Amino acid sequence: MFTVGLTGGIGSGKTTIASFFLDQNIEVINADEIARKVVEPGTAALSKIQERFGSEILINEKSLNRALLREKIFKDNSHRNWLENLLHPLIEEEITNLMAGAVSRYVILESPLLFETNQHKLVNRTLVVDVSPEIQLERAISRDGGSEATIKAIMDSQISREDRISLADDILDNEQNFQSVQTQLKKFHQNYLNLAKKND
């Protein structure tokens, strides 16, 4: 299945862009949703997280306190590395399963960490949603309500804007007006349909 990796830094607007492809009846696999699924109550991964961080990492002794976990791992790289080693293989396995079952003309893999993980190896082409760091910070704070320090730590942990752009096959400027963005997306969609046809 021809797959396009959709990525961008925190607050760049990936989810809004992904909804365009959903409207074209293209399946979107969301790596963040999978990351939540693999730590649902009762999973082995959640038990391991509780063992490492203690019961305070759970809400009502059941579900993961994601805000607290995020705070902890972005203060301590050893925690972050441990968590990534636990979760990334589980996430990748689930992505591969969903790709195998996809039936649309091509597939979008929406992932904030496409280039930082092995997920870029699962796709045929990459589309980067690009905005300035100032816009990223502004949008992420208004959306998540997190502290500026935590958002900046997340931005610092992600690949740099320059590196992301240099690795991209396609770049979407998401600071333009709605019409311009839609025009760019329609061109990309048509191109992906053509490439998917050749890939059959």
C-alpha atoms as a PDB file:
ATOM      1  CA  MET A   1       0.000   0.000   0.000  1.00  0.00           C
ATOM      2  CA  PHE A   2       1.426   3.378  -1.037  1.00  0.00           C
ATOM      3  CA  THR A   3       1.856   5.353   2.210  1.00  0.00           C
ATOM      4  CA  VAL A   4       2.545   9.041   2.824  1.00  0.00           C
ATOM      5  CA  GLY A   5       4.068  10.054   6.151  1.00  0.00           C
ATOM      6  CA  LEU A   6       2.495  13.287   7.395  1.00  0.00           C
ATOM      7  CA  THR A   7       4.578  15.056  10.021  1.00  0.00           C
ATOM      8  CA  GLY A   8       5.442  18.402  11.549  1.00  0.00           C
ATOM      9  CA  GLY A   9       6.442  19.856  14.890  1.00  0.00           C
ATOM     10  CA  ILE A  10       4.057  20.254  17.811  1.00  0.00           C
ATOM     11  CA  GLY A  11       1.407  22.875  17.046  1.00  0.00           C
ATOM     12  CA  SER A  12       2.030  22.837  13.272  1.00  0.00           C
ATOM     13  CA  GLY A  13      -1.539  21.770  12.411  1.00  0.00           C
ATOM     14  CA  LYS A  14      -1.045  18.136  11.338  1.00  0.00           C
ATOM     15  CA  THR A  15      -4.489  17.051  12.531  1.00  0.00           C
ATOM     16  CA  THR A  16      -6.262  19.735  10.502  1.00  0.00           C
ATOM     17  CA  ILE A  17      -4.276  18.694   7.418  1.00  0.00           C
ATOM     18  CA  ALA A  18      -5.048  15.008   8.074  1.00  0.00           C
ATOM     19  CA  SER A  19      -8.771  15.816   8.051  1.00  0.00           C
ATOM     20  CA  PHE A  20      -8.429  17.033   4.443  1.00  0.00           C
ATOM     21  CA  PHE A  21      -7.246  13.544   3.423  1.00  0.00           C
ATOM     22  CA  LEU A  22     -10.050  11.903   5.418  1.00  0.00           C
ATOM     23  CA  ASP A  23     -12.494  14.036   3.428  1.00  0.00           C
ATOM     24  CA  GLN A  24     -11.005  12.535   0.235  1.00  0.00           C
ATOM     25  CA  ASN A  25     -11.745   9.030   1.620  1.00  0.00           C
ATOM     26  CA  ILE A  26      -8.077   8.362   2.341  1.00  0.00           C
ATOM     27  CA  GLU A  27      -7.386   6.327   5.461  1.00  0.00           C
ATOM     28  CA  VAL A  28      -5.345   8.141   8.111  1.00  0.00           C
ATOM     29  CA  ILE A  29      -3.383   6.146  10.661  1.00  0.00           C
ATOM     30  CA  ASN A  30      -2.695   8.375  13.663  1.00  0.00           C
ATOM     31  CA  ALA A  31       0.468   7.418  15.575  1.00  0.00           C
ATOM     32  CA  ASP A  32      -0.573   9.523  18.605  1.00  0.00           C
ATOM     33  CA  GLU A  33      -3.852   7.597  18.894  1.00  0.00           C
ATOM     34  CA  ILE A  34      -1.915   4.338  18.743  1.00  0.00           C
ATOM     35  CA  ALA A  35       0.480   5.643  21.413  1.00  0.00           C
ATOM     36  CA  ARG A  36      -2.558   6.178  23.673  1.00  0.00           C
ATOM     37  CA  LYS A  37      -3.982   2.740  22.826  1.00  0.00           C
ATOM     38  CA  VAL A  38      -0.819   0.816  23.818  1.00  0.00           C
ATOM     39  CA  VAL A  39      -0.950   2.299  27.349  1.00  0.00           C
ATOM     40  CA  GLU A  40      -4.675   1.804  28.006  1.00  0.00           C
ATOM     41  CA  PRO A  41      -5.710   0.341  31.390  1.00  0.00           C
ATOM     42  CA  GLY A  42      -4.808  -3.329  31.619  1.00  0.00           C
ATOM     43  CA  THR A  43      -1.937  -3.213  29.098  1.00  0.00           C
ATOM     44  CA  ALA A  44       1.506  -4.616  29.914  1.00  0.00           C
ATOM     45  CA  ALA A  45       3.079  -1.292  28.898  1.00  0.00           C
ATOM     46  CA  LEU A  46       1.013   0.644  31.472  1.00  0.00           C
ATOM     47  CA  SER A  47       2.070  -1.808  34.215  1.00  0.00           C
ATOM     48  CA  LYS A  48       5.728  -1.220  33.331  1.00  0.00           C
ATOM     49  CA  ILE A  49       5.234   2.560  33.390  1.00  0.00           C
ATOM     50  CA  GLN A  50       3.593   2.287  36.827  1.00  0.00           C
ATOM     51  CA  GLU A  51       6.505   0.146  38.080  1.00  0.00           C
ATOM     52  CA  ARG A  52       8.989   2.811  37.025  1.00  0.00           C
ATOM     53  CA  PHE A  53       7.150   5.978  38.048  1.00  0.00           C
ATOM     54  CA  GLY A  54       4.919   4.764  40.896  1.00  0.00           C
ATOM     55  CA  SER A  55       1.145   4.948  41.337  1.00  0.00           C
ATOM     56  CA  GLU A  56       1.124   8.773  41.108  1.00  0.00           C
ATOM     57  CA  ILE A  57       1.463   8.315  37.326  1.00  0.00           C
ATOM     58  CA  LEU A  58      -2.111   6.940  37.247  1.00  0.00           C
ATOM     59  CA  ILE A  59      -5.411   8.794  37.464  1.00  0.00           C
ATOM     60  CA  ASN A  60      -7.823   7.026  39.861  1.00  0.00           C
ATOM     61  CA  GLU A  61      -5.381   4.076  39.940  1.00  0.00           C
ATOM     62  CA  LYS A  62      -6.468   3.210  36.377  1.00  0.00           C
ATOM     63  CA  SER A  63      -5.478   5.362  33.429  1.00  0.00           C
ATOM     64  CA  LEU A  64      -2.215   7.082  32.595  1.00  0.00           C
ATOM     65  CA  ASN A  65      -1.743  10.687  33.682  1.00  0.00           C
ATOM     66  CA  ARG A  66      -0.270  11.777  30.368  1.00  0.00           C
ATOM     67  CA  ALA A  67       0.367  15.385  31.432  1.00  0.00           C
ATOM     68  CA  LEU A  68       2.398  14.259  34.466  1.00  0.00           C
ATOM     69  CA  LEU A  69       4.304  11.668  32.439  1.00  0.00           C
ATOM     70  CA  ARG A  70       5.115  14.275  29.780  1.00  0.00           C
ATOM     71  CA  GLU A  71       6.421  16.623  32.470  1.00  0.00           C
ATOM     72  CA  LYS A  72       8.642  13.893  33.949  1.00  0.00           C
ATOM     73  CA  ILE A  73      10.150  12.635  30.704  1.00  0.00           C
ATOM     74  CA  PHE A  74      10.970  16.101  29.406  1.00  0.00           C
ATOM     75  CA  LYS A  75      12.831  16.889  32.621  1.00  0.00           C
ATOM     76  CA  ASP A  76      14.908  13.698  32.508  1.00  0.00           C
ATOM     77  CA  ASN A  77      16.321  12.184  29.317  1.00  0.00           C
ATOM     78  CA  SER A  78      16.887   8.776  30.911  1.00  0.00           C
ATOM     79  CA  HIS A  79      13.123   8.522  31.569  1.00  0.00           C
ATOM     80  CA  ARG A  80      12.371   9.621  28.014  1.00  0.00           C
ATOM     81  CA  ASN A  81      14.773   7.095  26.468  1.00  0.00           C
ATOM     82  CA  TRP A  82      13.350   4.308  28.623  1.00  0.00           C
ATOM     83  CA  LEU A  83       9.779   5.177  27.608  1.00  0.00           C
ATOM     84  CA  GLU A  84      10.657   5.401  23.904  1.00  0.00           C
ATOM     85  CA  ASN A  85      12.361   1.983  24.021  1.00  0.00           C
ATOM     86  CA  LEU A  86       9.214   0.545  25.606  1.00  0.00           C
ATOM     87  CA  LEU A  87       6.583   2.165  23.389  1.00  0.00           C
ATOM     88  CA  HIS A  88       8.055   2.720  19.915  1.00  0.00           C
ATOM     89  CA  PRO A  89       8.225  -0.985  18.936  1.00  0.00           C
ATOM     90  CA  LEU A  90       4.601  -1.489  20.123  1.00  0.00           C
ATOM     91  CA  ILE A  91       3.430   1.553  18.160  1.00  0.00           C
ATOM     92  CA  GLU A  92       5.296   0.457  15.028  1.00  0.00           C
ATOM     93  CA  GLU A  93       3.774  -3.031  15.195  1.00  0.00           C
ATOM     94  CA  GLU A  94       0.246  -1.591  15.419  1.00  0.00           C
ATOM     95  CA  ILE A  95       0.906   0.835  12.524  1.00  0.00           C
ATOM     96  CA  THR A  96       2.100  -2.066  10.349  1.00  0.00           C
ATOM     97  CA  ASN A  97      -1.054  -4.063  11.176  1.00  0.00           C
ATOM     98  CA  LEU A  98      -3.331  -1.135  10.277  1.00  0.00           C
ATOM     99  CA  MET A  99      -1.463  -0.512   7.013  1.00  0.00           C
ATOM    100  CA  ALA A 100      -1.915  -4.148   6.047  1.00  0.00           C
ATOM    101  CA  GLY A 101      -5.679  -3.810   6.479  1.00  0.00           C
ATOM    102  CA  ALA A 102      -6.088  -0.446   4.709  1.00  0.00           C
ATOM    103  CA  VAL A 103      -8.358  -0.315   1.652  1.00  0.00           C
ATOM    104  CA  SER A 104      -8.183   3.318   0.449  1.00  0.00           C
ATOM    105  CA  ARG A 105      -6.233   4.293  -2.687  1.00  0.00           C
ATOM    106  CA  TYR A 106      -3.266   5.255  -0.526  1.00  0.00           C
ATOM    107  CA  VAL A 107      -2.700   5.721   3.219  1.00  0.00           C
ATOM    108  CA  ILE A 108      -1.601   8.641   5.382  1.00  0.00           C
ATOM    109  CA  LEU A 109       0.514   7.928   8.456  1.00  0.00           C
ATOM    110  CA  GLU A 110       0.148  10.989  10.694  1.00  0.00           C
ATOM    111  CA  SER A 111       3.059  11.022  13.122  1.00  0.00           C
ATOM    112  CA  PRO A 112       4.797  13.820  15.043  1.00  0.00           C
ATOM    113  CA  LEU A 113       7.924  11.643  15.368  1.00  0.00           C
ATOM    114  CA  LEU A 114       8.115  10.257  11.831  1.00  0.00           C
ATOM    115  CA  PHE A 115      11.797  11.156  11.363  1.00  0.00           C
ATOM    116  CA  GLU A 116      12.813  10.704  15.016  1.00  0.00           C
ATOM    117  CA  THR A 117      11.706   7.043  15.001  1.00  0.00           C
ATOM    118  CA  ASN A 118      11.848   4.174  12.506  1.00  0.00           C
ATOM    119  CA  GLN A 119       8.379   5.136  11.279  1.00  0.00           C
ATOM    120  CA  HIS A 120       9.846   6.963   8.261  1.00  0.00           C
ATOM    121  CA  LYS A 121      10.962   3.541   7.000  1.00  0.00           C
ATOM    122  CA  LEU A 122       7.293   2.498   6.760  1.00  0.00           C
ATOM    123  CA  VAL A 123       6.350   5.186   4.216  1.00  0.00           C
ATOM    124  CA  ASN A 124       6.971   5.811   0.501  1.00  0.00           C
ATOM    125  CA  ARG A 125       6.854   9.596   0.677  1.00  0.00           C
ATOM    126  CA  THR A 126       6.847  12.338   3.313  1.00  0.00           C
ATOM    127  CA  LEU A 127       4.754  15.479   3.668  1.00  0.00           C
ATOM    128  CA  VAL A 128       5.939  18.045   6.226  1.00  0.00           C
ATOM    129  CA  VAL A 129       3.525  20.617   7.658  1.00  0.00           C
ATOM    130  CA  ASP A 130       5.694  23.665   8.264  1.00  0.00           C
ATOM    131  CA  VAL A 131       5.153  26.741  10.467  1.00  0.00           C
ATOM    132  CA  SER A 132       7.546  29.026  12.332  1.00  0.00           C
ATOM    133  CA  PRO A 133       8.610  28.112  15.905  1.00  0.00           C
ATOM    134  CA  GLU A 134       6.725  31.171  17.194  1.00  0.00           C
ATOM    135  CA  ILE A 135       3.467  29.924  15.652  1.00  0.00           C
ATOM    136  CA  GLN A 136       4.148  26.400  16.958  1.00  0.00           C
ATOM    137  CA  LEU A 137       4.541  27.660  20.513  1.00  0.00           C
ATOM    138  CA  GLU A 138       1.475  29.881  20.337  1.00  0.00           C
ATOM    139  CA  ARG A 139      -0.782  27.141  18.875  1.00  0.00           C
ATOM    140  CA  ALA A 140       0.487  24.383  21.173  1.00  0.00           C
ATOM    141  CA  ILE A 141      -0.043  26.444  24.339  1.00  0.00           C
ATOM    142  CA  SER A 142      -3.555  27.519  23.306  1.00  0.00           C
ATOM    143  CA  ARG A 143      -4.471  23.918  22.339  1.00  0.00           C
ATOM    144  CA  ASP A 144      -2.874  21.910  25.170  1.00  0.00           C
ATOM    145  CA  GLY A 145      -2.769  24.509  27.921  1.00  0.00           C
ATOM    146  CA  GLY A 146       0.691  23.247  28.894  1.00  0.00           C
ATOM    147  CA  SER A 147       3.440  25.421  30.310  1.00  0.00           C
ATOM    148  CA  GLU A 148       5.677  27.286  27.877  1.00  0.00           C
ATOM    149  CA  ALA A 149       8.704  25.470  29.347  1.00  0.00           C
ATOM    150  CA  THR A 150       7.191  22.014  28.668  1.00  0.00           C
ATOM    151  CA  ILE A 151       6.166  22.950  25.106  1.00  0.00           C
ATOM    152  CA  LYS A 152       9.670  24.327  24.434  1.00  0.00           C
ATOM    153  CA  ALA A 153      11.207  21.119  25.825  1.00  0.00           C
ATOM    154  CA  ILE A 154       9.029  19.081  23.450  1.00  0.00           C
ATOM    155  CA  MET A 155      10.051  21.298  20.527  1.00  0.00           C
ATOM    156  CA  ASP A 156      13.719  20.872  21.491  1.00  0.00           C
ATOM    157  CA  SER A 157      13.304  17.089  21.642  1.00  0.00           C
ATOM    158  CA  GLN A 158      11.909  16.986  18.106  1.00  0.00           C
ATOM    159  CA  ILE A 159      14.038  17.155  14.983  1.00  0.00           C
ATOM    160  CA  SER A 160      14.914  20.740  14.001  1.00  0.00           C
ATOM    161  CA  ARG A 161      12.752  22.626  11.514  1.00  0.00           C
ATOM    162  CA  GLU A 162      15.675  22.760   9.052  1.00  0.00           C
ATOM    163  CA  ASP A 163      16.364  19.018   9.269  1.00  0.00           C
ATOM    164  CA  ARG A 164      12.673  18.179   8.927  1.00  0.00           C
ATOM    165  CA  ILE A 165      12.414  20.293   5.775  1.00  0.00           C
ATOM    166  CA  SER A 166      15.597  18.794   4.319  1.00  0.00           C
ATOM    167  CA  LEU A 167      14.172  15.262   4.756  1.00  0.00           C
ATOM    168  CA  ALA A 168      10.743  16.080   3.290  1.00  0.00           C
ATOM    169  CA  ASP A 169       9.551  15.086  -0.163  1.00  0.00           C
ATOM    170  CA  ASP A 170       6.722  17.630   0.043  1.00  0.00           C
ATOM    171  CA  ILE A 171       6.368  20.733   2.232  1.00  0.00           C
ATOM    172  CA  LEU A 172       3.085  22.419   3.116  1.00  0.00           C
ATOM    173  CA  ASP A 173       3.322  26.032   4.313  1.00  0.00           C
ATOM    174  CA  ASN A 174       0.597  26.049   6.967  1.00  0.00           C
ATOM    175  CA  GLU A 175       0.856  29.762   7.733  1.00  0.00           C
ATOM    176  CA  GLN A 176      -0.962  30.707   4.537  1.00  0.00           C
ATOM    177  CA  ASN A 177      -4.685  31.394   4.295  1.00  0.00           C
ATOM    178  CA  PHE A 178      -7.197  28.543   4.114  1.00  0.00           C
ATOM    179  CA  GLN A 179      -7.652  28.739   0.313  1.00  0.00           C
ATOM    180  CA  SER A 180      -3.905  28.574  -0.391  1.00  0.00           C
ATOM    181  CA  VAL A 181      -3.496  25.600   1.928  1.00  0.00           C
ATOM    182  CA  GLN A 182      -6.433  23.797   0.266  1.00  0.00           C
ATOM    183  CA  THR A 183      -4.958  24.446  -3.196  1.00  0.00           C
ATOM    184  CA  GLN A 184      -1.611  22.963  -2.131  1.00  0.00           C
ATOM    185  CA  LEU A 185      -3.338  19.947  -0.579  1.00  0.00           C
ATOM    186  CA  LYS A 186      -5.376  19.210  -3.709  1.00  0.00           C
ATOM    187  CA  LYS A 187      -2.147  19.125  -5.759  1.00  0.00           C
ATOM    188  CA  PHE A 188      -0.470  16.795  -3.264  1.00  0.00           C
ATOM    189  CA  HIS A 189      -3.524  14.510  -3.191  1.00  0.00           C
ATOM    190  CA  GLN A 190      -3.581  14.226  -6.992  1.00  0.00           C
ATOM    191  CA  ASN A 191       0.132  13.481  -7.050  1.00  0.00           C
ATOM    192  CA  TYR A 192      -0.256  10.756  -4.395  1.00  0.00           C
ATOM    193  CA  LEU A 193      -3.094   9.164  -6.379  1.00  0.00           C
ATOM    194  CA  ASN A 194      -0.836   9.067  -9.455  1.00  0.00           C
ATOM    195  CA  LEU A 195       2.099   7.652  -7.487  1.00  0.00           C
ATOM    196  CA  ALA A 196      -0.139   5.050  -5.820  1.00  0.00           C
ATOM    197  CA  LYS A 197      -1.371   3.934  -9.258  1.00  0.00           C
ATOM    198  CA  LYS A 198       2.213   3.483 -10.464  1.00  0.00           C
ATOM    199  CA  ASN A 199       2.998   1.609  -7.252  1.00  0.00           C
ATOM    200  CA  ASP A 200       0.274  -1.024  -7.850  1.00  0.00           C
END
